[in-house]
Amino acid sequence: MDLTGAWPKVCAANAPQAQVCADPFHVIKLANAAVDAVRRDQWNTARRTGGKIRRNARGRVNTDPAAQLVKKTRWALLKDPAAWTEHQAAQIAALRRARHVLFRAWALKEELRDLYRLPPGKPADAHLDGWLAWAARCRIPAMIELARTIRTHRGTILAAVELGLSNSKLEGLNSQDQTDQPPRLRTPQRSRRHRDDLPVLLRPHHRTTHRKVRSATFRW
């Protein structure tokens, strides 16, 4: 189930015997949100402190190296490394060489994702406890706050790992943008012939707009 909202309280009140499991989709979603918060903070800081500005046809462009390192790294930080493009892999490599705080936040996120990809025989509780210890001393506010949330739901997260439960496919379909969906097939409308027994709509002499549509008159 979701880590937030009233779901845990409702389950505890109505089904106290049920084993509550935290959905891995929501756990990784929280981690992605924390990494994106770090990225936004670093981008705003680089824009405020960077002094190298040039003008082009599109306006003012920040050419400070710190700003260019963070610019357009969102999808590289959020995507699965197996789905990276060459450019996105180069962006993460540049962050690693610079020992950037974004790389440390991304590494923490991927280490948490590895909780659901452990090889057989490796205990999940030891992996999660090691991640919590690493995140607690990372000195990144967003990741420290994430570690507090994960620690609060430690038991339900480990229960989902032990039972092998995941609702990621269904949640992924629900969270898809409707603009990404293929257009629906629309059947063409057949034209209607004029009938003398139907009322004739008289167009008003004034011009109508989308803000105010006035009523039309009918002649029988």
C-alpha atoms as a PDB file:
ATOM      1  CA  MET A   1       0.000   0.000   0.000  1.00  0.00           C
ATOM      2  CA  ASP A   2       0.927   3.657  -0.126  1.00  0.00           C
ATOM      3  CA  LEU A   3       3.212   4.991   2.598  1.00  0.00           C
ATOM      4  CA  THR A   4       1.121   8.113   3.105  1.00  0.00           C
ATOM      5  CA  GLY A   5      -2.532   8.868   3.660  1.00  0.00           C
ATOM      6  CA  ALA A   6      -5.096   7.006   5.735  1.00  0.00           C
ATOM      7  CA  TRP A   7      -4.463   3.517   4.325  1.00  0.00           C
ATOM      8  CA  PRO A   8      -2.406   2.167   7.263  1.00  0.00           C
ATOM      9  CA  LYS A   9      -4.942   3.411   9.820  1.00  0.00           C
ATOM     10  CA  VAL A  10      -7.883   1.942   7.911  1.00  0.00           C
ATOM     11  CA  CYS A  11      -6.173  -1.452   7.556  1.00  0.00           C
ATOM     12  CA  ALA A  12      -5.177  -1.530  11.220  1.00  0.00           C
ATOM     13  CA  ALA A  13      -8.757  -0.754  12.271  1.00  0.00           C
ATOM     14  CA  ASN A  14     -10.577  -3.120   9.904  1.00  0.00           C
ATOM     15  CA  ALA A  15      -8.054  -5.931   9.315  1.00  0.00           C
ATOM     16  CA  PRO A  16      -5.639  -6.094  12.254  1.00  0.00           C
ATOM     17  CA  GLN A  17      -4.620  -9.633  11.310  1.00  0.00           C
ATOM     18  CA  ALA A  18      -3.406  -8.617   7.812  1.00  0.00           C
ATOM     19  CA  GLN A  19       0.273  -8.269   6.975  1.00  0.00           C
ATOM     20  CA  VAL A  20       0.772  -4.700   5.755  1.00  0.00           C
ATOM     21  CA  CYS A  21       3.316  -4.298   2.937  1.00  0.00           C
ATOM     22  CA  ALA A  22       4.702  -1.078   1.503  1.00  0.00           C
ATOM     23  CA  ASP A  23       4.433  -0.974  -2.267  1.00  0.00           C
ATOM     24  CA  PRO A  24       7.934  -0.796  -3.855  1.00  0.00           C
ATOM     25  CA  PHE A  25       6.578   1.608  -6.471  1.00  0.00           C
ATOM     26  CA  HIS A  26       5.810   4.225  -3.821  1.00  0.00           C
ATOM     27  CA  VAL A  27       9.146   3.690  -2.066  1.00  0.00           C
ATOM     28  CA  ILE A  28      11.121   4.367  -5.250  1.00  0.00           C
ATOM     29  CA  LYS A  29       8.764   7.231  -6.103  1.00  0.00           C
ATOM     30  CA  LEU A  30       9.709   8.913  -2.818  1.00  0.00           C
ATOM     31  CA  ALA A  31      13.391   8.358  -3.607  1.00  0.00           C
ATOM     32  CA  ASN A  32      12.993   9.897  -7.068  1.00  0.00           C
ATOM     33  CA  ALA A  33      11.210  12.897  -5.554  1.00  0.00           C
ATOM     34  CA  ALA A  34      14.076  13.384  -3.094  1.00  0.00           C
ATOM     35  CA  VAL A  35      16.688  13.244  -5.875  1.00  0.00           C
ATOM     36  CA  ASP A  36      14.680  15.714  -7.954  1.00  0.00           C
ATOM     37  CA  ALA A  37      14.483  18.060  -4.959  1.00  0.00           C
ATOM     38  CA  VAL A  38      18.282  17.949  -4.691  1.00  0.00           C
ATOM     39  CA  ARG A  39      18.591  18.695  -8.403  1.00  0.00           C
ATOM     40  CA  ARG A  40      16.287  21.714  -8.196  1.00  0.00           C
ATOM     41  CA  ASP A  41      18.164  23.076  -5.194  1.00  0.00           C
ATOM     42  CA  GLN A  42      21.530  22.699  -6.943  1.00  0.00           C
ATOM     43  CA  TRP A  43      20.215  24.295 -10.129  1.00  0.00           C
ATOM     44  CA  ASN A  44      18.822  27.312  -8.266  1.00  0.00           C
ATOM     45  CA  THR A  45      22.055  27.720  -6.336  1.00  0.00           C
ATOM     46  CA  ALA A  46      24.137  27.551  -9.516  1.00  0.00           C
ATOM     47  CA  ARG A  47      21.934  30.134 -11.216  1.00  0.00           C
ATOM     48  CA  ARG A  48      22.189  32.557  -8.304  1.00  0.00           C
ATOM     49  CA  THR A  49      25.950  32.273  -7.801  1.00  0.00           C
ATOM     50  CA  GLY A  50      27.042  31.840 -11.425  1.00  0.00           C
ATOM     51  CA  GLY A  51      28.308  35.041 -12.988  1.00  0.00           C
ATOM     52  CA  LYS A  52      29.056  33.958 -16.540  1.00  0.00           C
ATOM     53  CA  ILE A  53      26.105  35.114 -18.623  1.00  0.00           C
ATOM     54  CA  ARG A  54      26.018  35.522 -22.386  1.00  0.00           C
ATOM     55  CA  ARG A  55      23.273  36.633 -24.710  1.00  0.00           C
ATOM     56  CA  ASN A  56      22.059  34.901 -27.848  1.00  0.00           C
ATOM     57  CA  ALA A  57      18.977  34.923 -30.063  1.00  0.00           C
ATOM     58  CA  ARG A  58      16.933  33.144 -27.380  1.00  0.00           C
ATOM     59  CA  GLY A  59      17.903  35.467 -24.545  1.00  0.00           C
ATOM     60  CA  ARG A  60      20.286  35.177 -21.618  1.00  0.00           C
ATOM     61  CA  VAL A  61      22.135  31.877 -21.122  1.00  0.00           C
ATOM     62  CA  ASN A  62      24.100  30.887 -18.024  1.00  0.00           C
ATOM     63  CA  THR A  63      27.476  29.484 -19.090  1.00  0.00           C
ATOM     64  CA  ASP A  64      28.852  28.920 -15.596  1.00  0.00           C
ATOM     65  CA  PRO A  65      30.432  25.427 -15.391  1.00  0.00           C
ATOM     66  CA  ALA A  66      28.510  24.578 -12.216  1.00  0.00           C
ATOM     67  CA  ALA A  67      25.204  25.442 -13.868  1.00  0.00           C
ATOM     68  CA  GLN A  68      26.053  23.546 -17.049  1.00  0.00           C
ATOM     69  CA  LEU A  69      26.893  20.449 -14.986  1.00  0.00           C
ATOM     70  CA  VAL A  70      23.396  20.379 -13.470  1.00  0.00           C
ATOM     71  CA  LYS A  71      21.482  21.548 -16.543  1.00  0.00           C
ATOM     72  CA  LYS A  72      19.122  18.997 -18.156  1.00  0.00           C
ATOM     73  CA  THR A  73      20.111  16.119 -15.852  1.00  0.00           C
ATOM     74  CA  ARG A  74      16.603  15.358 -14.616  1.00  0.00           C
ATOM     75  CA  TRP A  75      15.824  12.324 -16.768  1.00  0.00           C
ATOM     76  CA  ALA A  76      19.313  10.880 -16.393  1.00  0.00           C
ATOM     77  CA  LEU A  77      18.893  10.969 -12.617  1.00  0.00           C
ATOM     78  CA  LEU A  78      15.414   9.442 -12.610  1.00  0.00           C
ATOM     79  CA  LYS A  79      15.683   6.800 -15.338  1.00  0.00           C
ATOM     80  CA  ASP A  80      16.869   3.240 -14.892  1.00  0.00           C
ATOM     81  CA  PRO A  81      20.577   3.103 -15.902  1.00  0.00           C
ATOM     82  CA  ALA A  82      19.729   0.270 -18.292  1.00  0.00           C
ATOM     83  CA  ALA A  83      17.572   2.722 -20.297  1.00  0.00           C
ATOM     84  CA  TRP A  84      20.113   5.535 -20.482  1.00  0.00           C
ATOM     85  CA  THR A  85      21.140   7.120 -23.721  1.00  0.00           C
ATOM     86  CA  GLU A  86      24.820   7.824 -24.377  1.00  0.00           C
ATOM     87  CA  HIS A  87      24.318  11.475 -23.471  1.00  0.00           C
ATOM     88  CA  GLN A  88      22.607  10.621 -20.176  1.00  0.00           C
ATOM     89  CA  ALA A  89      25.366   8.171 -19.244  1.00  0.00           C
ATOM     90  CA  ALA A  90      27.914  10.906 -19.961  1.00  0.00           C
ATOM     91  CA  GLN A  91      26.003  13.308 -17.701  1.00  0.00           C
ATOM     92  CA  ILE A  92      26.132  10.925 -14.735  1.00  0.00           C
ATOM     93  CA  ALA A  93      29.822  10.218 -15.426  1.00  0.00           C
ATOM     94  CA  ALA A  94      30.530  13.963 -15.351  1.00  0.00           C
ATOM     95  CA  LEU A  95      28.736  14.288 -12.008  1.00  0.00           C
ATOM     96  CA  ARG A  96      30.777  11.372 -10.646  1.00  0.00           C
ATOM     97  CA  ARG A  97      34.096  12.878 -11.763  1.00  0.00           C
ATOM     98  CA  ALA A  98      33.156  16.191 -10.132  1.00  0.00           C
ATOM     99  CA  ARG A  99      32.108  14.395  -6.922  1.00  0.00           C
ATOM    100  CA  HIS A 100      28.893  16.336  -7.172  1.00  0.00           C
ATOM    101  CA  VAL A 101      26.206  16.141  -4.500  1.00  0.00           C
ATOM    102  CA  LEU A 102      23.776  15.069  -7.211  1.00  0.00           C
ATOM    103  CA  PHE A 103      25.819  11.950  -7.884  1.00  0.00           C
ATOM    104  CA  ARG A 104      25.740  11.024  -4.196  1.00  0.00           C
ATOM    105  CA  ALA A 105      21.970  11.511  -4.102  1.00  0.00           C
ATOM    106  CA  TRP A 106      21.566   9.404  -7.251  1.00  0.00           C
ATOM    107  CA  ALA A 107      23.795   6.663  -5.812  1.00  0.00           C
ATOM    108  CA  LEU A 108      21.670   6.577  -2.666  1.00  0.00           C
ATOM    109  CA  LYS A 109      18.541   6.228  -4.762  1.00  0.00           C
ATOM    110  CA  GLU A 110      20.000   3.368  -6.795  1.00  0.00           C
ATOM    111  CA  GLU A 111      21.222   1.622  -3.647  1.00  0.00           C
ATOM    112  CA  LEU A 112      17.673   1.741  -2.298  1.00  0.00           C
ATOM    113  CA  ARG A 113      16.393   0.358  -5.595  1.00  0.00           C
ATOM    114  CA  ASP A 114      18.831  -2.536  -5.235  1.00  0.00           C
ATOM    115  CA  LEU A 115      16.828  -3.626  -2.191  1.00  0.00           C
ATOM    116  CA  TYR A 116      14.325  -5.120  -4.646  1.00  0.00           C
ATOM    117  CA  ARG A 117      17.044  -6.703  -6.809  1.00  0.00           C
ATOM    118  CA  LEU A 118      19.038  -8.577  -4.199  1.00  0.00           C
ATOM    119  CA  PRO A 119      20.663 -11.880  -5.207  1.00  0.00           C
ATOM    120  CA  PRO A 120      19.436 -15.040  -3.476  1.00  0.00           C
ATOM    121  CA  GLY A 121      20.827 -15.503   0.000  1.00  0.00           C
ATOM    122  CA  LYS A 122      21.538 -11.828   0.730  1.00  0.00           C
ATOM    123  CA  PRO A 123      19.384 -10.614   3.658  1.00  0.00           C
ATOM    124  CA  ALA A 124      17.163  -7.666   2.881  1.00  0.00           C
ATOM    125  CA  ASP A 125      17.194  -6.308   6.428  1.00  0.00           C
ATOM    126  CA  ALA A 126      20.984  -5.968   6.445  1.00  0.00           C
ATOM    127  CA  HIS A 127      20.921  -4.169   3.089  1.00  0.00           C
ATOM    128  CA  LEU A 128      18.226  -1.759   4.242  1.00  0.00           C
ATOM    129  CA  ASP A 129      19.944  -1.061   7.562  1.00  0.00           C
ATOM    130  CA  GLY A 130      23.184  -0.319   5.728  1.00  0.00           C
ATOM    131  CA  TRP A 131      21.350   2.072   3.421  1.00  0.00           C
ATOM    132  CA  LEU A 132      19.732   3.849   6.376  1.00  0.00           C
ATOM    133  CA  ALA A 133      23.115   4.325   8.042  1.00  0.00           C
ATOM    134  CA  TRP A 134      24.595   5.721   4.795  1.00  0.00           C
ATOM    135  CA  ALA A 135      21.664   8.074   4.183  1.00  0.00           C
ATOM    136  CA  ALA A 136      21.690   9.351   7.774  1.00  0.00           C
ATOM    137  CA  ARG A 137      25.257  10.662   7.425  1.00  0.00           C
ATOM    138  CA  CYS A 138      25.112  11.871   3.800  1.00  0.00           C
ATOM    139  CA  ARG A 139      24.523  15.547   4.812  1.00  0.00           C
ATOM    140  CA  ILE A 140      21.914  15.955   2.042  1.00  0.00           C
ATOM    141  CA  PRO A 141      18.698  17.312   3.638  1.00  0.00           C
ATOM    142  CA  ALA A 142      16.298  15.731   1.130  1.00  0.00           C
ATOM    143  CA  MET A 143      17.914  12.286   1.442  1.00  0.00           C
ATOM    144  CA  ILE A 144      18.027  12.535   5.244  1.00  0.00           C
ATOM    145  CA  GLU A 145      14.303  13.252   5.251  1.00  0.00           C
ATOM    146  CA  LEU A 146      13.787  10.270   2.944  1.00  0.00           C
ATOM    147  CA  ALA A 147      15.749   8.074   5.370  1.00  0.00           C
ATOM    148  CA  ARG A 148      13.445   9.136   8.195  1.00  0.00           C
ATOM    149  CA  THR A 149      10.410   8.088   6.180  1.00  0.00           C
ATOM    150  CA  ILE A 150      11.997   4.764   5.217  1.00  0.00           C
ATOM    151  CA  ARG A 151      12.953   4.077   8.830  1.00  0.00           C
ATOM    152  CA  THR A 152       9.365   4.724   9.934  1.00  0.00           C
ATOM    153  CA  HIS A 153       8.052   2.138   7.445  1.00  0.00           C
ATOM    154  CA  ARG A 154      10.969  -0.302   7.726  1.00  0.00           C
ATOM    155  CA  GLY A 155       8.790  -3.259   8.739  1.00  0.00           C
ATOM    156  CA  THR A 156       6.265  -2.873   5.917  1.00  0.00           C
ATOM    157  CA  ILE A 157       9.048  -2.371   3.347  1.00  0.00           C
ATOM    158  CA  LEU A 158      10.828  -5.563   4.415  1.00  0.00           C
ATOM    159  CA  ALA A 159       7.506  -7.453   4.426  1.00  0.00           C
ATOM    160  CA  ALA A 160       6.978  -6.563   0.754  1.00  0.00           C
ATOM    161  CA  VAL A 161      10.518  -7.731  -0.092  1.00  0.00           C
ATOM    162  CA  GLU A 162      10.087 -11.041   1.743  1.00  0.00           C
ATOM    163  CA  LEU A 163       6.735 -11.752   0.077  1.00  0.00           C
ATOM    164  CA  GLY A 164       7.907 -10.550  -3.341  1.00  0.00           C
ATOM    165  CA  LEU A 165       4.976  -8.162  -3.756  1.00  0.00           C
ATOM    166  CA  SER A 166       4.984  -5.256  -6.194  1.00  0.00           C
ATOM    167  CA  ASN A 167       2.302  -3.132  -7.806  1.00  0.00           C
ATOM    168  CA  SER A 168       4.689  -1.184 -10.028  1.00  0.00           C
ATOM    169  CA  LYS A 169       3.194  -2.135 -13.410  1.00  0.00           C
ATOM    170  CA  LEU A 170      -0.332  -1.087 -12.461  1.00  0.00           C
ATOM    171  CA  GLU A 171       0.865   2.093 -10.750  1.00  0.00           C
ATOM    172  CA  GLY A 172       2.989   2.935 -13.768  1.00  0.00           C
ATOM    173  CA  LEU A 173      -0.033   2.702 -16.049  1.00  0.00           C
ATOM    174  CA  ASN A 174      -2.111   4.835 -13.698  1.00  0.00           C
ATOM    175  CA  SER A 175       0.547   7.545 -13.520  1.00  0.00           C
ATOM    176  CA  GLN A 176       1.066   7.784 -17.275  1.00  0.00           C
ATOM    177  CA  ASP A 177       0.247  11.107 -18.854  1.00  0.00           C
ATOM    178  CA  GLN A 178      -2.838  10.972 -21.023  1.00  0.00           C
ATOM    179  CA  THR A 179      -0.965  12.862 -23.741  1.00  0.00           C
ATOM    180  CA  ASP A 180       1.300   9.834 -24.143  1.00  0.00           C
ATOM    181  CA  GLN A 181      -1.638   7.596 -24.999  1.00  0.00           C
ATOM    182  CA  PRO A 182      -2.466   6.870 -28.661  1.00  0.00           C
ATOM    183  CA  PRO A 183      -5.352   8.884 -30.077  1.00  0.00           C
ATOM    184  CA  ARG A 184      -8.746   7.270 -29.986  1.00  0.00           C
ATOM    185  CA  LEU A 185     -10.491   6.263 -33.193  1.00  0.00           C
ATOM    186  CA  ARG A 186     -13.302   8.624 -34.039  1.00  0.00           C
ATOM    187  CA  THR A 187     -16.001   7.624 -36.481  1.00  0.00           C
ATOM    188  CA  PRO A 188     -16.979  10.305 -39.011  1.00  0.00           C
ATOM    189  CA  GLN A 189     -20.375  11.890 -38.495  1.00  0.00           C
ATOM    190  CA  ARG A 190     -22.914  11.528 -41.286  1.00  0.00           C
ATOM    191  CA  SER A 191     -24.374  14.721 -42.631  1.00  0.00           C
ATOM    192  CA  ARG A 192     -28.081  15.282 -42.046  1.00  0.00           C
ATOM    193  CA  ARG A 193     -30.373  16.488 -44.772  1.00  0.00           C
ATOM    194  CA  HIS A 194     -32.448  19.587 -44.178  1.00  0.00           C
ATOM    195  CA  ARG A 195     -35.997  18.942 -42.988  1.00  0.00           C
ATOM    196  CA  ASP A 196     -38.755  21.500 -43.169  1.00  0.00           C
ATOM    197  CA  ASP A 197     -40.378  20.277 -39.978  1.00  0.00           C
ATOM    198  CA  LEU A 198     -37.310  21.071 -37.838  1.00  0.00           C
ATOM    199  CA  PRO A 199     -36.782  24.496 -36.259  1.00  0.00           C
ATOM    200  CA  VAL A 200     -34.416  26.749 -38.150  1.00  0.00           C
ATOM    201  CA  LEU A 201     -31.655  28.261 -36.081  1.00  0.00           C
ATOM    202  CA  LEU A 202     -31.228  31.954 -36.787  1.00  0.00           C
ATOM    203  CA  ARG A 203     -27.713  33.172 -36.232  1.00  0.00           C
ATOM    204  CA  PRO A 204     -27.527  36.266 -34.058  1.00  0.00           C
ATOM    205  CA  HIS A 205     -26.200  39.436 -35.644  1.00  0.00           C
ATOM    206  CA  HIS A 206     -23.664  40.012 -32.872  1.00  0.00           C
ATOM    207  CA  ARG A 207     -20.381  38.153 -32.670  1.00  0.00           C
ATOM    208  CA  THR A 208     -20.193  35.469 -29.998  1.00  0.00           C
ATOM    209  CA  THR A 209     -17.047  34.662 -28.075  1.00  0.00           C
ATOM    210  CA  HIS A 210     -15.885  31.764 -25.963  1.00  0.00           C
ATOM    211  CA  ARG A 211     -16.375  33.806 -22.800  1.00  0.00           C
ATOM    212  CA  LYS A 212     -20.016  34.701 -23.316  1.00  0.00           C
ATOM    213  CA  VAL A 213     -22.431  32.846 -25.539  1.00  0.00           C
ATOM    214  CA  ARG A 214     -25.800  34.466 -25.969  1.00  0.00           C
ATOM    215  CA  SER A 215     -28.981  32.541 -26.564  1.00  0.00           C
ATOM    216  CA  ALA A 216     -30.217  32.195 -30.138  1.00  0.00           C
ATOM    217  CA  THR A 217     -33.815  32.504 -31.264  1.00  0.00           C
ATOM    218  CA  PHE A 218     -35.827  29.906 -33.112  1.00  0.00           C
ATOM    219  CA  ARG A 219     -38.432  30.333 -35.802  1.00  0.00           C
ATOM    220  CA  TRP A 220     -41.137  27.679 -36.086  1.00  0.00           C
END
